[in-house]
Amino acid sequence: MILRMQAANTRLDTSLHLETPEGTAVELHPAGIVTRAVAFLVDELIRWGVVAVTSIVAGVAGNFGMGLFLVVLFLTYWLYGVAFEVLNNGVTPGKRSQGLRVVHDNGTPIRLPASMVRNLVLAVDLLPMAYAGAIVSMLVTARFQRLGDLAAGTLVVHDVPELSVDGAAPQDMVSRAAPFPLKAEETAAFVGFLERSSTLTDARAGELAAILAPALGCAEAEARGQVERIGLGLKGE
């Protein structure tokens, strides 16, 4: 996908304004090094806690306990980030505490291949010591990307609360079924709009949803809410 990035209005404005060939506007706000460091520390404390509890159990379980400890240690440090990023829409407990999320550098939700790459390269970010590689990389890149982000094509951004057209959160909306049969790609389009509408300007989200107003049998002003409610229904929420 070809993207066009617009320059920031001032040096202090680090927001990214992306526009896809289809005209979908996406605004991202990359997280700075301090916020990311705090989120990382929270995740590290959770990892250490899991490892500490496992070591206590392993200490009284003999050879089996040592094997269990090694397995848990591997899973905790290599799959912790991948599991949360892929299954929880880019949000680990540490990132949630700081209101952060991992996304692809085009604003789309992170997928398994990119998550695996950025977490594997975390070992390189550690070098030469105390994550110096990650710190230097974030300081010299405009988007505050560590080496893993550069390799995977990802960004850590400030999360934007999802709001519907009338200001209600999606979880407070009542889902509805589509008024006509949907093909697989149409189902994906409804769910995709629901997940990404909060990253669009209100005007652009309303404009895109209004295209479906005749098919949905509603006014153009009501189309966004209808599309989001159908998306909720398709997600089973």
C-alpha atoms as a PDB file:
ATOM      1  CA  MET A   1       0.000   0.000   0.000  1.00  0.00           C
ATOM      2  CA  ILE A   2       1.372   3.366  -1.036  1.00  0.00           C
ATOM      3  CA  LEU A   3       1.137   6.028   1.642  1.00  0.00           C
ATOM      4  CA  ARG A   4       1.665   9.768   1.613  1.00  0.00           C
ATOM      5  CA  MET A   5       2.941  11.419   4.773  1.00  0.00           C
ATOM      6  CA  GLN A   6       2.254  15.095   5.285  1.00  0.00           C
ATOM      7  CA  ALA A   7       4.891  17.180   7.062  1.00  0.00           C
ATOM      8  CA  ALA A   8       4.148  18.315  10.595  1.00  0.00           C
ATOM      9  CA  ASN A   9       3.163  21.942  11.043  1.00  0.00           C
ATOM     10  CA  THR A  10       5.810  22.545  13.685  1.00  0.00           C
ATOM     11  CA  ARG A  11       8.899  20.803  14.976  1.00  0.00           C
ATOM     12  CA  LEU A  12       7.110  20.000  18.196  1.00  0.00           C
ATOM     13  CA  ASP A  13       4.234  18.299  16.375  1.00  0.00           C
ATOM     14  CA  THR A  14       5.202  14.630  16.057  1.00  0.00           C
ATOM     15  CA  SER A  15       1.797  13.444  14.835  1.00  0.00           C
ATOM     16  CA  LEU A  16       1.734  11.550  11.553  1.00  0.00           C
ATOM     17  CA  HIS A  17      -0.963  12.273   9.005  1.00  0.00           C
ATOM     18  CA  LEU A  18      -1.228   9.396   6.558  1.00  0.00           C
ATOM     19  CA  GLU A  19      -3.491   9.088   3.567  1.00  0.00           C
ATOM     20  CA  THR A  20      -4.104   5.892   1.625  1.00  0.00           C
ATOM     21  CA  PRO A  21      -4.752   5.841  -2.153  1.00  0.00           C
ATOM     22  CA  GLU A  22      -8.447   5.371  -1.315  1.00  0.00           C
ATOM     23  CA  GLY A  23      -8.391   8.721   0.503  1.00  0.00           C
ATOM     24  CA  THR A  24      -8.653   7.323   4.033  1.00  0.00           C
ATOM     25  CA  ALA A  25      -7.010   9.740   6.458  1.00  0.00           C
ATOM     26  CA  VAL A  26      -5.158   8.217   9.415  1.00  0.00           C
ATOM     27  CA  GLU A  27      -3.588  10.229  12.221  1.00  0.00           C
ATOM     28  CA  LEU A  28      -1.017   8.569  14.496  1.00  0.00           C
ATOM     29  CA  HIS A  29       0.796   9.945  17.527  1.00  0.00           C
ATOM     30  CA  PRO A  30       4.089   8.080  18.111  1.00  0.00           C
ATOM     31  CA  ALA A  31       4.941   7.467  21.763  1.00  0.00           C
ATOM     32  CA  GLY A  32       8.115   9.021  23.151  1.00  0.00           C
ATOM     33  CA  ILE A  33      10.975   7.253  24.884  1.00  0.00           C
ATOM     34  CA  VAL A  34       9.894   8.031  28.475  1.00  0.00           C
ATOM     35  CA  THR A  35       6.350   6.704  28.071  1.00  0.00           C
ATOM     36  CA  ARG A  36       7.627   3.625  26.286  1.00  0.00           C
ATOM     37  CA  ALA A  37      10.224   3.036  28.987  1.00  0.00           C
ATOM     38  CA  VAL A  38       7.563   3.062  31.705  1.00  0.00           C
ATOM     39  CA  ALA A  39       5.384   0.651  29.702  1.00  0.00           C
ATOM     40  CA  PHE A  40       8.391  -1.617  29.158  1.00  0.00           C
ATOM     41  CA  LEU A  41       9.198  -1.571  32.879  1.00  0.00           C
ATOM     42  CA  VAL A  42       5.656  -2.651  33.757  1.00  0.00           C
ATOM     43  CA  ASP A  43       5.878  -5.547  31.289  1.00  0.00           C
ATOM     44  CA  GLU A  44       9.311  -6.493  32.667  1.00  0.00           C
ATOM     45  CA  LEU A  45       7.962  -6.583  36.224  1.00  0.00           C
ATOM     46  CA  ILE A  46       5.204  -8.921  35.078  1.00  0.00           C
ATOM     47  CA  ARG A  47       7.761 -11.159  33.351  1.00  0.00           C
ATOM     48  CA  TRP A  48       9.986 -11.181  36.427  1.00  0.00           C
ATOM     49  CA  GLY A  49       7.003 -12.032  38.600  1.00  0.00           C
ATOM     50  CA  VAL A  50       6.071 -15.011  36.435  1.00  0.00           C
ATOM     51  CA  VAL A  51       9.671 -16.241  36.380  1.00  0.00           C
ATOM     52  CA  ALA A  52      10.044 -15.773  40.153  1.00  0.00           C
ATOM     53  CA  VAL A  53       6.899 -17.769  40.940  1.00  0.00           C
ATOM     54  CA  THR A  54       7.964 -20.490  38.500  1.00  0.00           C
ATOM     55  CA  SER A  55      11.425 -20.703  40.089  1.00  0.00           C
ATOM     56  CA  ILE A  56       9.858 -21.276  43.517  1.00  0.00           C
ATOM     57  CA  VAL A  57       7.700 -24.089  42.145  1.00  0.00           C
ATOM     58  CA  ALA A  58      10.641 -25.528  40.201  1.00  0.00           C
ATOM     59  CA  GLY A  59      12.778 -25.557  43.346  1.00  0.00           C
ATOM     60  CA  VAL A  60      10.608 -28.223  44.951  1.00  0.00           C
ATOM     61  CA  ALA A  61       9.884 -30.254  41.790  1.00  0.00           C
ATOM     62  CA  GLY A  62      13.319 -31.691  41.036  1.00  0.00           C
ATOM     63  CA  ASN A  63      14.342 -32.333  37.426  1.00  0.00           C
ATOM     64  CA  PHE A  64      10.809 -31.783  36.200  1.00  0.00           C
ATOM     65  CA  GLY A  65      10.814 -28.409  37.893  1.00  0.00           C
ATOM     66  CA  MET A  66      13.995 -27.362  36.114  1.00  0.00           C
ATOM     67  CA  GLY A  67      12.497 -28.332  32.761  1.00  0.00           C
ATOM     68  CA  LEU A  68       9.317 -26.439  33.585  1.00  0.00           C
ATOM     69  CA  PHE A  69      11.345 -23.387  34.609  1.00  0.00           C
ATOM     70  CA  LEU A  70      13.263 -23.328  31.318  1.00  0.00           C
ATOM     71  CA  VAL A  71      10.077 -23.685  29.270  1.00  0.00           C
ATOM     72  CA  VAL A  72       8.318 -20.901  31.169  1.00  0.00           C
ATOM     73  CA  LEU A  73      11.391 -18.681  30.939  1.00  0.00           C
ATOM     74  CA  PHE A  74      11.486 -19.127  27.155  1.00  0.00           C
ATOM     75  CA  LEU A  75       7.760 -18.527  26.701  1.00  0.00           C
ATOM     76  CA  THR A  76       7.756 -15.510  29.014  1.00  0.00           C
ATOM     77  CA  TYR A  77      10.560 -13.656  27.282  1.00  0.00           C
ATOM     78  CA  TRP A  78       9.970 -14.633  23.659  1.00  0.00           C
ATOM     79  CA  LEU A  79       6.200 -15.050  23.343  1.00  0.00           C
ATOM     80  CA  TYR A  80       4.825 -12.664  25.984  1.00  0.00           C
ATOM     81  CA  GLY A  81       4.892  -9.659  23.657  1.00  0.00           C
ATOM     82  CA  VAL A  82       3.758 -11.609  20.586  1.00  0.00           C
ATOM     83  CA  ALA A  83       0.760 -13.116  22.354  1.00  0.00           C
ATOM     84  CA  PHE A  84      -0.532  -9.814  23.702  1.00  0.00           C
ATOM     85  CA  GLU A  85       0.178  -7.831  20.527  1.00  0.00           C
ATOM     86  CA  VAL A  86      -1.538 -10.312  18.197  1.00  0.00           C
ATOM     87  CA  LEU A  87      -4.420 -11.379  20.435  1.00  0.00           C
ATOM     88  CA  ASN A  88      -5.027  -8.042  22.170  1.00  0.00           C
ATOM     89  CA  ASN A  89      -4.817  -5.640  19.234  1.00  0.00           C
ATOM     90  CA  GLY A  90      -1.263  -4.478  19.901  1.00  0.00           C
ATOM     91  CA  VAL A  91      -1.675  -3.831  23.628  1.00  0.00           C
ATOM     92  CA  THR A  92       0.421  -5.465  26.377  1.00  0.00           C
ATOM     93  CA  PRO A  93      -0.384  -4.811  30.057  1.00  0.00           C
ATOM     94  CA  GLY A  94       2.489  -2.319  30.211  1.00  0.00           C
ATOM     95  CA  LYS A  95       1.300  -0.473  27.124  1.00  0.00           C
ATOM     96  CA  ARG A  96      -2.250  -0.444  28.426  1.00  0.00           C
ATOM     97  CA  SER A  97      -1.031   1.257  31.615  1.00  0.00           C
ATOM     98  CA  GLN A  98       0.366   4.104  29.496  1.00  0.00           C
ATOM     99  CA  GLY A  99      -2.362   4.192  26.851  1.00  0.00           C
ATOM    100  CA  LEU A 100      -0.130   2.827  24.071  1.00  0.00           C
ATOM    101  CA  ARG A 101      -0.613   0.421  21.189  1.00  0.00           C
ATOM    102  CA  VAL A 102       1.618  -1.240  18.563  1.00  0.00           C
ATOM    103  CA  VAL A 103       0.517  -0.853  14.939  1.00  0.00           C
ATOM    104  CA  HIS A 104       2.020  -1.267  11.495  1.00  0.00           C
ATOM    105  CA  ASP A 105       3.679   1.916  10.242  1.00  0.00           C
ATOM    106  CA  ASN A 106       0.721   2.447   7.891  1.00  0.00           C
ATOM    107  CA  GLY A 107      -1.698   2.573  10.823  1.00  0.00           C
ATOM    108  CA  THR A 108      -3.188  -0.911  10.396  1.00  0.00           C
ATOM    109  CA  PRO A 109      -3.410  -3.402  13.300  1.00  0.00           C
ATOM    110  CA  ILE A 110      -0.245  -5.423  13.932  1.00  0.00           C
ATOM    111  CA  ARG A 111      -0.177  -9.005  12.651  1.00  0.00           C
ATOM    112  CA  LEU A 112       1.774 -12.102  13.678  1.00  0.00           C
ATOM    113  CA  PRO A 113       4.802 -11.825  11.304  1.00  0.00           C
ATOM    114  CA  ALA A 114       5.587  -8.234  12.289  1.00  0.00           C
ATOM    115  CA  SER A 115       5.046  -8.937  15.981  1.00  0.00           C
ATOM    116  CA  MET A 116       7.429 -11.904  15.878  1.00  0.00           C
ATOM    117  CA  VAL A 117      10.116  -9.842  14.149  1.00  0.00           C
ATOM    118  CA  ARG A 118       9.921  -6.876  16.558  1.00  0.00           C
ATOM    119  CA  ASN A 119      10.037  -9.156  19.601  1.00  0.00           C
ATOM    120  CA  LEU A 120      12.907 -11.296  18.297  1.00  0.00           C
ATOM    121  CA  VAL A 121      14.970  -8.193  17.513  1.00  0.00           C
ATOM    122  CA  LEU A 122      14.475  -7.118  21.137  1.00  0.00           C
ATOM    123  CA  ALA A 123      17.627  -9.158  21.841  1.00  0.00           C
ATOM    124  CA  VAL A 124      19.565  -6.867  19.479  1.00  0.00           C
ATOM    125  CA  ASP A 125      18.033  -3.778  21.098  1.00  0.00           C
ATOM    126  CA  LEU A 126      19.573  -4.968  24.355  1.00  0.00           C
ATOM    127  CA  LEU A 127      23.110  -4.556  22.999  1.00  0.00           C
ATOM    128  CA  PRO A 128      25.660  -3.462  23.987  1.00  0.00           C
ATOM    129  CA  MET A 129      24.026  -3.226  27.438  1.00  0.00           C
ATOM    130  CA  ALA A 130      20.919  -1.940  29.233  1.00  0.00           C
ATOM    131  CA  TYR A 131      18.959  -1.625  25.949  1.00  0.00           C
ATOM    132  CA  ALA A 132      21.363   1.026  24.711  1.00  0.00           C
ATOM    133  CA  GLY A 133      20.640   0.056  21.113  1.00  0.00           C
ATOM    134  CA  ALA A 134      16.914   0.668  21.570  1.00  0.00           C
ATOM    135  CA  ILE A 135      17.493   3.989  23.339  1.00  0.00           C
ATOM    136  CA  VAL A 136      19.831   5.324  20.662  1.00  0.00           C
ATOM    137  CA  SER A 137      17.508   4.167  17.882  1.00  0.00           C
ATOM    138  CA  MET A 138      14.484   5.883  19.421  1.00  0.00           C
ATOM    139  CA  LEU A 139      16.437   9.094  19.983  1.00  0.00           C
ATOM    140  CA  VAL A 140      17.639   9.376  16.374  1.00  0.00           C
ATOM    141  CA  THR A 141      14.447   8.340  14.545  1.00  0.00           C
ATOM    142  CA  ALA A 142      11.602  10.777  13.961  1.00  0.00           C
ATOM    143  CA  ARG A 143       8.987   8.176  14.932  1.00  0.00           C
ATOM    144  CA  PHE A 144      10.797   6.981  18.094  1.00  0.00           C
ATOM    145  CA  GLN A 145      11.289   3.493  16.651  1.00  0.00           C
ATOM    146  CA  ARG A 146      13.624   0.992  18.226  1.00  0.00           C
ATOM    147  CA  LEU A 147      15.548  -1.421  16.008  1.00  0.00           C
ATOM    148  CA  GLY A 148      12.785  -4.008  16.276  1.00  0.00           C
ATOM    149  CA  ASP A 149      10.227  -1.488  15.033  1.00  0.00           C
ATOM    150  CA  LEU A 150      12.424  -0.549  12.086  1.00  0.00           C
ATOM    151  CA  ALA A 151      12.908  -4.206  11.155  1.00  0.00           C
ATOM    152  CA  ALA A 152       9.205  -5.064  11.483  1.00  0.00           C
ATOM    153  CA  GLY A 153       7.766  -1.836  10.075  1.00  0.00           C
ATOM    154  CA  THR A 154       5.857  -1.030  13.264  1.00  0.00           C
ATOM    155  CA  LEU A 155       5.153   1.964  15.493  1.00  0.00           C
ATOM    156  CA  VAL A 156       4.197   2.364  19.127  1.00  0.00           C
ATOM    157  CA  VAL A 157       1.517   5.042  19.252  1.00  0.00           C
ATOM    158  CA  HIS A 158      -0.772   6.667  21.770  1.00  0.00           C
ATOM    159  CA  ASP A 159      -4.072   4.831  21.731  1.00  0.00           C
ATOM    160  CA  VAL A 160      -7.139   6.795  20.639  1.00  0.00           C
ATOM    161  CA  PRO A 161     -10.430   6.002  22.411  1.00  0.00           C
ATOM    162  CA  GLU A 162     -12.981   4.566  20.028  1.00  0.00           C
ATOM    163  CA  LEU A 163     -16.078   6.729  19.735  1.00  0.00           C
ATOM    164  CA  SER A 164     -19.128   6.337  17.565  1.00  0.00           C
ATOM    165  CA  VAL A 165     -20.650   9.156  15.546  1.00  0.00           C
ATOM    166  CA  ASP A 166     -22.907  10.127  18.449  1.00  0.00           C
ATOM    167  CA  GLY A 167     -20.130   9.945  21.026  1.00  0.00           C
ATOM    168  CA  ALA A 168     -21.070   6.556  22.491  1.00  0.00           C
ATOM    169  CA  ALA A 169     -18.386   3.967  22.988  1.00  0.00           C
ATOM    170  CA  PRO A 170     -18.775   0.861  20.781  1.00  0.00           C
ATOM    171  CA  GLN A 171     -19.371  -1.345  23.824  1.00  0.00           C
ATOM    172  CA  ASP A 172     -22.366   0.840  24.706  1.00  0.00           C
ATOM    173  CA  MET A 173     -23.881   0.549  21.252  1.00  0.00           C
ATOM    174  CA  VAL A 174     -26.485  -2.032  20.310  1.00  0.00           C
ATOM    175  CA  SER A 175     -25.304  -4.309  17.523  1.00  0.00           C
ATOM    176  CA  ARG A 176     -27.519  -5.079  14.566  1.00  0.00           C
ATOM    177  CA  ALA A 177     -27.543  -7.524  11.688  1.00  0.00           C
ATOM    178  CA  ALA A 178     -26.853  -6.438   8.123  1.00  0.00           C
ATOM    179  CA  PRO A 179     -30.080  -5.925   6.146  1.00  0.00           C
ATOM    180  CA  PHE A 180     -28.683  -7.937   3.219  1.00  0.00           C
ATOM    181  CA  PRO A 181     -26.434 -11.016   2.738  1.00  0.00           C
ATOM    182  CA  LEU A 182     -22.715 -10.253   2.953  1.00  0.00           C
ATOM    183  CA  LYS A 183     -19.790 -11.801   1.116  1.00  0.00           C
ATOM    184  CA  ALA A 184     -16.570 -12.518   2.999  1.00  0.00           C
ATOM    185  CA  GLU A 185     -14.847  -9.359   1.788  1.00  0.00           C
ATOM    186  CA  GLU A 186     -17.908  -7.269   2.668  1.00  0.00           C
ATOM    187  CA  THR A 187     -17.943  -8.722   6.181  1.00  0.00           C
ATOM    188  CA  ALA A 188     -14.255  -7.832   6.535  1.00  0.00           C
ATOM    189  CA  ALA A 189     -14.991  -4.299   5.307  1.00  0.00           C
ATOM    190  CA  PHE A 190     -17.676  -3.704   7.973  1.00  0.00           C
ATOM    191  CA  VAL A 191     -15.464  -5.039  10.775  1.00  0.00           C
ATOM    192  CA  GLY A 192     -12.454  -3.125   9.432  1.00  0.00           C
ATOM    193  CA  PHE A 193     -14.433   0.129   9.394  1.00  0.00           C
ATOM    194  CA  LEU A 194     -15.510  -0.437  13.014  1.00  0.00           C
ATOM    195  CA  GLU A 195     -11.922  -1.029  14.130  1.00  0.00           C
ATOM    196  CA  ARG A 196     -10.398   1.898  12.218  1.00  0.00           C
ATOM    197  CA  SER A 197     -13.141   4.533  12.355  1.00  0.00           C
ATOM    198  CA  SER A 198     -11.693   6.029  15.538  1.00  0.00           C
ATOM    199  CA  THR A 199      -8.446   6.782  13.672  1.00  0.00           C
ATOM    200  CA  LEU A 200     -10.282   8.784  10.981  1.00  0.00           C
ATOM    201  CA  THR A 201     -11.537  12.312  11.137  1.00  0.00           C
ATOM    202  CA  ASP A 202     -15.275  12.513  11.837  1.00  0.00           C
ATOM    203  CA  ALA A 203     -15.837  14.061   8.427  1.00  0.00           C
ATOM    204  CA  ARG A 204     -13.960  11.315   6.580  1.00  0.00           C
ATOM    205  CA  ALA A 205     -15.560   8.477   8.568  1.00  0.00           C
ATOM    206  CA  GLY A 206     -18.999   9.936   7.925  1.00  0.00           C
ATOM    207  CA  GLU A 207     -18.224  10.370   4.228  1.00  0.00           C
ATOM    208  CA  LEU A 208     -17.128   6.748   3.838  1.00  0.00           C
ATOM    209  CA  ALA A 209     -20.116   5.389   5.753  1.00  0.00           C
ATOM    210  CA  ALA A 210     -22.542   7.593   3.789  1.00  0.00           C
ATOM    211  CA  ILE A 211     -21.767   5.583   0.656  1.00  0.00           C
ATOM    212  CA  LEU A 212     -23.766   2.735   2.179  1.00  0.00           C
ATOM    213  CA  ALA A 213     -26.692   4.867   3.336  1.00  0.00           C
ATOM    214  CA  PRO A 214     -28.999   3.883   0.414  1.00  0.00           C
ATOM    215  CA  ALA A 215     -28.272   0.169   0.879  1.00  0.00           C
ATOM    216  CA  LEU A 216     -28.819   0.432   4.640  1.00  0.00           C
ATOM    217  CA  GLY A 217     -32.022   2.416   4.204  1.00  0.00           C
ATOM    218  CA  CYS A 218     -30.948   5.250   6.476  1.00  0.00           C
ATOM    219  CA  ALA A 219     -30.015   8.911   6.251  1.00  0.00           C
ATOM    220  CA  GLU A 220     -26.388   9.734   5.436  1.00  0.00           C
ATOM    221  CA  ALA A 221     -25.965  11.319   8.882  1.00  0.00           C
ATOM    222  CA  GLU A 222     -26.953   8.007  10.495  1.00  0.00           C
ATOM    223  CA  ALA A 223     -24.832   5.779   8.246  1.00  0.00           C
ATOM    224  CA  ARG A 224     -21.693   5.729  10.409  1.00  0.00           C
ATOM    225  CA  GLY A 225     -23.579   4.530  13.467  1.00  0.00           C
ATOM    226  CA  GLN A 226     -25.384   1.876  11.407  1.00  0.00           C
ATOM    227  CA  VAL A 227     -22.152   0.585   9.857  1.00  0.00           C
ATOM    228  CA  GLU A 228     -20.469   0.407  13.278  1.00  0.00           C
ATOM    229  CA  ARG A 229     -23.437  -1.444  14.774  1.00  0.00           C
ATOM    230  CA  ILE A 230     -23.338  -3.998  11.951  1.00  0.00           C
ATOM    231  CA  GLY A 231     -19.616  -4.361  12.532  1.00  0.00           C
ATOM    232  CA  LEU A 232     -20.296  -5.074  16.212  1.00  0.00           C
ATOM    233  CA  GLY A 233     -22.841  -7.709  15.246  1.00  0.00           C
ATOM    234  CA  LEU A 234     -20.404  -9.384  12.867  1.00  0.00           C
ATOM    235  CA  LYS A 235     -17.774  -9.473  15.628  1.00  0.00           C
ATOM    236  CA  GLY A 236     -20.315 -11.098  17.929  1.00  0.00           C
ATOM    237  CA  GLU A 237     -20.305  -8.234  20.441  1.00  0.00           C
END
